[in-house]
Amino acid sequence: MEVDLRYPLGTFVLPPSGTAEERGQWITDIAAAPVRLRLAVAGLSEAQLDTPYREGGWTVRQVVHHLAESHLVAFTRMKFALTEENPVARSYDEARWVELPDYVSTPLEVSLTLLEALHARWILLLNGLTAEQFARSFGHPTFGLIRLDQQVARSAWHGRHHVAHVTALRDRMGWN
């Protein structure tokens, strides 16, 4: 069976809600994402960073910058949901964002450091939330109403998903 290179871990399945144990695992995955990403890109040349992870896909460089920005957006959406009643999240066109000039000109280290700092803050926030706070929600234009525990699950998967894009490319190209 051939693996879909777009989804090396499979597509995300939204859980109805999360148990304390599941939330703990998702938080652990979010905490580990910056280290996993840094290891995944370690030692890659500029040419390798500019290699798409699949035909028609983003480059490794774009994946790194996207992950930092996407998780910043997710963190912000969670903060709004914790401080407002069912706020509506703004969507964004991630495919167009990766085409902006800062995706080429920003050193990879900037986004790796951003991801590390952001996740340090995010983990402190998540570890301080109650079950009632994880049940708060926000509206998403594409996905509808999302509970915070569901967003944590999505963000944990999202980090693993994009790290897998890089590690799978490294494996296919023999860059290990």
Protein backbone atom coordinates (compact mmCIF):
# COMPACT_ATOMS: atom_id res chain seq x y z
CA MET A 1 0.00 0.00 0.00
CA GLU A 2 1.40 3.36 -1.05
CA VAL A 3 1.54 6.11 1.56
CA ASP A 4 -0.11 9.43 0.66
CA LEU A 5 2.85 11.84 0.93
CA ARG A 6 0.46 14.66 1.85
CA TYR A 7 -0.56 12.77 4.99
CA PRO A 8 2.31 10.56 6.14
CA LEU A 9 0.50 9.91 9.45
CA GLY A 10 -2.97 9.78 7.95
CA THR A 11 -5.54 12.55 8.06
CA PHE A 12 -6.58 14.14 11.33
CA VAL A 13 -9.65 12.67 13.00
CA LEU A 14 -11.38 15.14 15.30
CA PRO A 15 -12.16 13.52 18.65
CA PRO A 16 -15.55 14.33 20.21
CA SER A 17 -13.65 15.48 23.32
CA GLY A 18 -10.56 14.48 25.23
CA THR A 19 -10.02 12.64 28.48
CA ALA A 20 -7.44 13.93 30.93
CA GLU A 21 -5.11 11.14 29.78
CA GLU A 22 -5.58 11.98 26.10
CA ARG A 23 -5.04 15.68 26.80
CA GLY A 24 -1.84 14.80 28.64
CA GLN A 25 -0.53 12.91 25.61
CA TRP A 26 -1.49 15.73 23.24
CA ILE A 27 0.25 18.27 25.47
CA THR A 28 3.35 16.04 25.55
CA ASP A 29 3.29 15.92 21.74
CA ILE A 30 2.98 19.71 21.52
CA ALA A 31 5.87 20.12 23.95
CA ALA A 32 8.04 17.79 21.86
CA ALA A 33 7.27 19.33 18.47
CA PRO A 34 9.99 22.03 18.49
CA VAL A 35 12.72 19.53 19.38
CA ARG A 36 11.45 17.02 16.83
CA LEU A 37 11.36 19.69 14.12
CA ARG A 38 14.84 20.96 14.96
CA LEU A 39 16.20 17.40 14.77
CA ALA A 40 14.34 16.78 11.50
CA VAL A 41 16.03 19.73 9.77
CA ALA A 42 19.44 19.40 11.44
CA GLY A 43 22.30 19.33 8.97
CA LEU A 44 20.21 20.01 5.88
CA SER A 45 21.83 22.17 3.21
CA GLU A 46 20.15 25.24 1.73
CA ALA A 47 19.33 23.19 -1.38
CA GLN A 48 17.76 20.47 0.75
CA LEU A 49 15.73 23.07 2.69
CA ASP A 50 14.40 24.29 -0.64
CA THR A 51 13.30 20.80 -1.69
CA PRO A 52 9.54 20.12 -1.68
CA TYR A 53 8.54 17.23 0.56
CA ARG A 54 6.43 15.94 -2.37
CA GLU A 55 5.77 16.96 -5.97
CA GLY A 56 3.68 20.12 -5.85
CA GLY A 57 4.17 20.39 -2.08
CA TRP A 58 5.87 22.90 0.15
CA THR A 59 9.60 23.03 0.61
CA VAL A 60 11.13 22.01 3.93
CA ARG A 61 11.79 25.71 4.57
CA GLN A 62 8.12 26.54 3.96
CA VAL A 63 7.03 23.72 6.26
CA VAL A 64 9.17 25.08 9.11
CA HIS A 65 7.91 28.65 8.73
CA HIS A 66 4.32 27.43 8.34
CA LEU A 67 4.45 25.33 11.50
CA ALA A 68 5.63 28.28 13.59
CA GLU A 69 2.95 30.59 12.18
CA SER A 70 0.16 28.05 12.29
CA HIS A 71 0.83 27.22 15.92
CA LEU A 72 0.95 30.92 16.75
CA VAL A 73 -2.52 31.23 15.23
CA ALA A 74 -3.76 28.17 17.17
CA PHE A 75 -2.35 29.54 20.45
CA THR A 76 -4.06 32.89 19.83
CA ARG A 77 -7.39 31.23 18.99
CA MET A 78 -7.20 29.34 22.28
CA LYS A 79 -6.54 32.55 24.22
CA PHE A 80 -9.58 34.18 22.62
CA ALA A 81 -11.70 31.13 23.49
CA LEU A 82 -10.53 31.32 27.11
CA THR A 83 -11.41 34.99 27.44
CA GLU A 84 -14.49 35.40 25.22
CA GLU A 85 -17.71 33.46 24.73
CA ASN A 86 -17.46 31.33 21.57
CA PRO A 87 -15.41 33.80 19.53
CA VAL A 88 -15.24 33.29 15.79
CA ALA A 89 -11.75 32.54 14.53
CA ARG A 90 -10.55 34.15 11.37
CA SER A 91 -9.31 31.73 8.73
CA TYR A 92 -6.27 32.38 6.59
CA ASP A 93 -4.98 31.11 3.27
CA GLU A 94 -1.91 29.17 4.34
CA ALA A 95 -1.05 28.30 0.73
CA ARG A 96 -0.76 32.01 -0.06
CA TRP A 97 1.12 32.79 3.16
CA VAL A 98 3.92 30.35 2.23
CA GLU A 99 4.39 32.30 -1.02
CA LEU A 100 5.13 35.59 0.79
CA PRO A 101 8.71 36.90 0.64
CA ASP A 102 9.47 36.35 4.34
CA TYR A 103 9.27 32.61 3.75
CA VAL A 104 12.39 32.90 1.62
CA SER A 105 14.24 35.67 3.46
CA THR A 106 13.68 34.63 7.08
CA PRO A 107 16.46 32.42 8.44
CA LEU A 108 15.16 29.03 9.54
CA GLU A 109 16.51 29.66 13.03
CA VAL A 110 14.01 32.49 13.53
CA SER A 111 11.04 30.16 13.08
CA LEU A 112 12.66 27.34 15.06
CA THR A 113 13.27 29.73 17.96
CA LEU A 114 9.76 31.16 17.63
CA LEU A 115 8.30 27.66 17.79
CA GLU A 116 10.37 26.82 20.89
CA ALA A 117 9.37 29.99 22.72
CA LEU A 118 5.73 29.73 21.67
CA HIS A 119 5.47 26.10 22.76
CA ALA A 120 7.09 26.90 26.11
CA ARG A 121 4.32 29.45 26.74
CA TRP A 122 1.63 27.18 25.30
CA ILE A 123 2.57 24.28 27.57
CA LEU A 124 2.44 26.54 30.62
CA LEU A 125 -1.04 27.64 29.57
CA LEU A 126 -2.28 24.13 28.79
CA ASN A 127 -0.95 22.64 32.02
CA GLY A 128 -2.86 25.27 33.98
CA LEU A 129 -6.26 24.71 32.39
CA THR A 130 -9.18 22.97 34.08
CA ALA A 131 -11.44 20.41 32.43
CA GLU A 132 -14.07 23.14 32.17
CA GLN A 133 -11.66 25.42 30.33
CA PHE A 134 -10.75 22.63 27.88
CA ALA A 135 -14.49 22.42 27.14
CA ARG A 136 -14.63 26.07 26.03
CA SER A 137 -14.90 26.59 22.29
CA PHE A 138 -14.49 28.88 19.34
CA GLY A 139 -16.15 29.00 15.96
CA HIS A 140 -14.08 28.17 12.90
CA PRO A 141 -15.28 29.17 9.40
CA THR A 142 -14.35 25.77 7.93
CA PHE A 143 -14.64 23.32 10.83
CA GLY A 144 -17.52 24.79 12.85
CA LEU A 145 -17.47 24.86 16.64
CA ILE A 146 -14.19 23.55 18.07
CA ARG A 147 -13.60 22.76 21.72
CA LEU A 148 -10.20 23.61 23.15
CA ASP A 149 -9.43 19.95 23.87
CA GLN A 150 -10.13 19.26 20.19
CA GLN A 151 -7.79 22.11 19.20
CA VAL A 152 -5.09 20.62 21.40
CA ALA A 153 -5.57 17.27 19.62
CA ARG A 154 -5.38 18.98 16.22
CA SER A 155 -2.26 20.94 17.15
CA ALA A 156 -0.52 17.83 18.49
CA TRP A 157 -1.29 15.99 15.23
CA HIS A 158 -0.29 19.04 13.16
CA GLY A 159 3.19 19.15 14.68
CA ARG A 160 3.74 15.41 14.19
CA HIS A 161 2.29 15.68 10.65
CA HIS A 162 4.75 18.32 9.45
CA VAL A 163 7.76 16.77 11.18
CA ALA A 164 6.83 13.56 9.35
CA HIS A 165 6.86 15.47 6.05
CA VAL A 166 10.52 16.33 6.66
CA THR A 167 11.63 12.99 8.09
CA ALA A 168 9.87 11.03 5.33
CA LEU A 169 11.58 13.21 2.70
CA ARG A 170 14.94 12.65 4.38
CA ASP A 171 14.35 8.91 4.33
CA ARG A 172 13.25 8.86 0.67
CA MET A 173 16.21 11.00 -0.40
CA GLY A 174 18.76 9.14 1.76
CA TRP A 175 19.66 12.35 3.64
CA ASN A 176 20.09 10.57 6.99
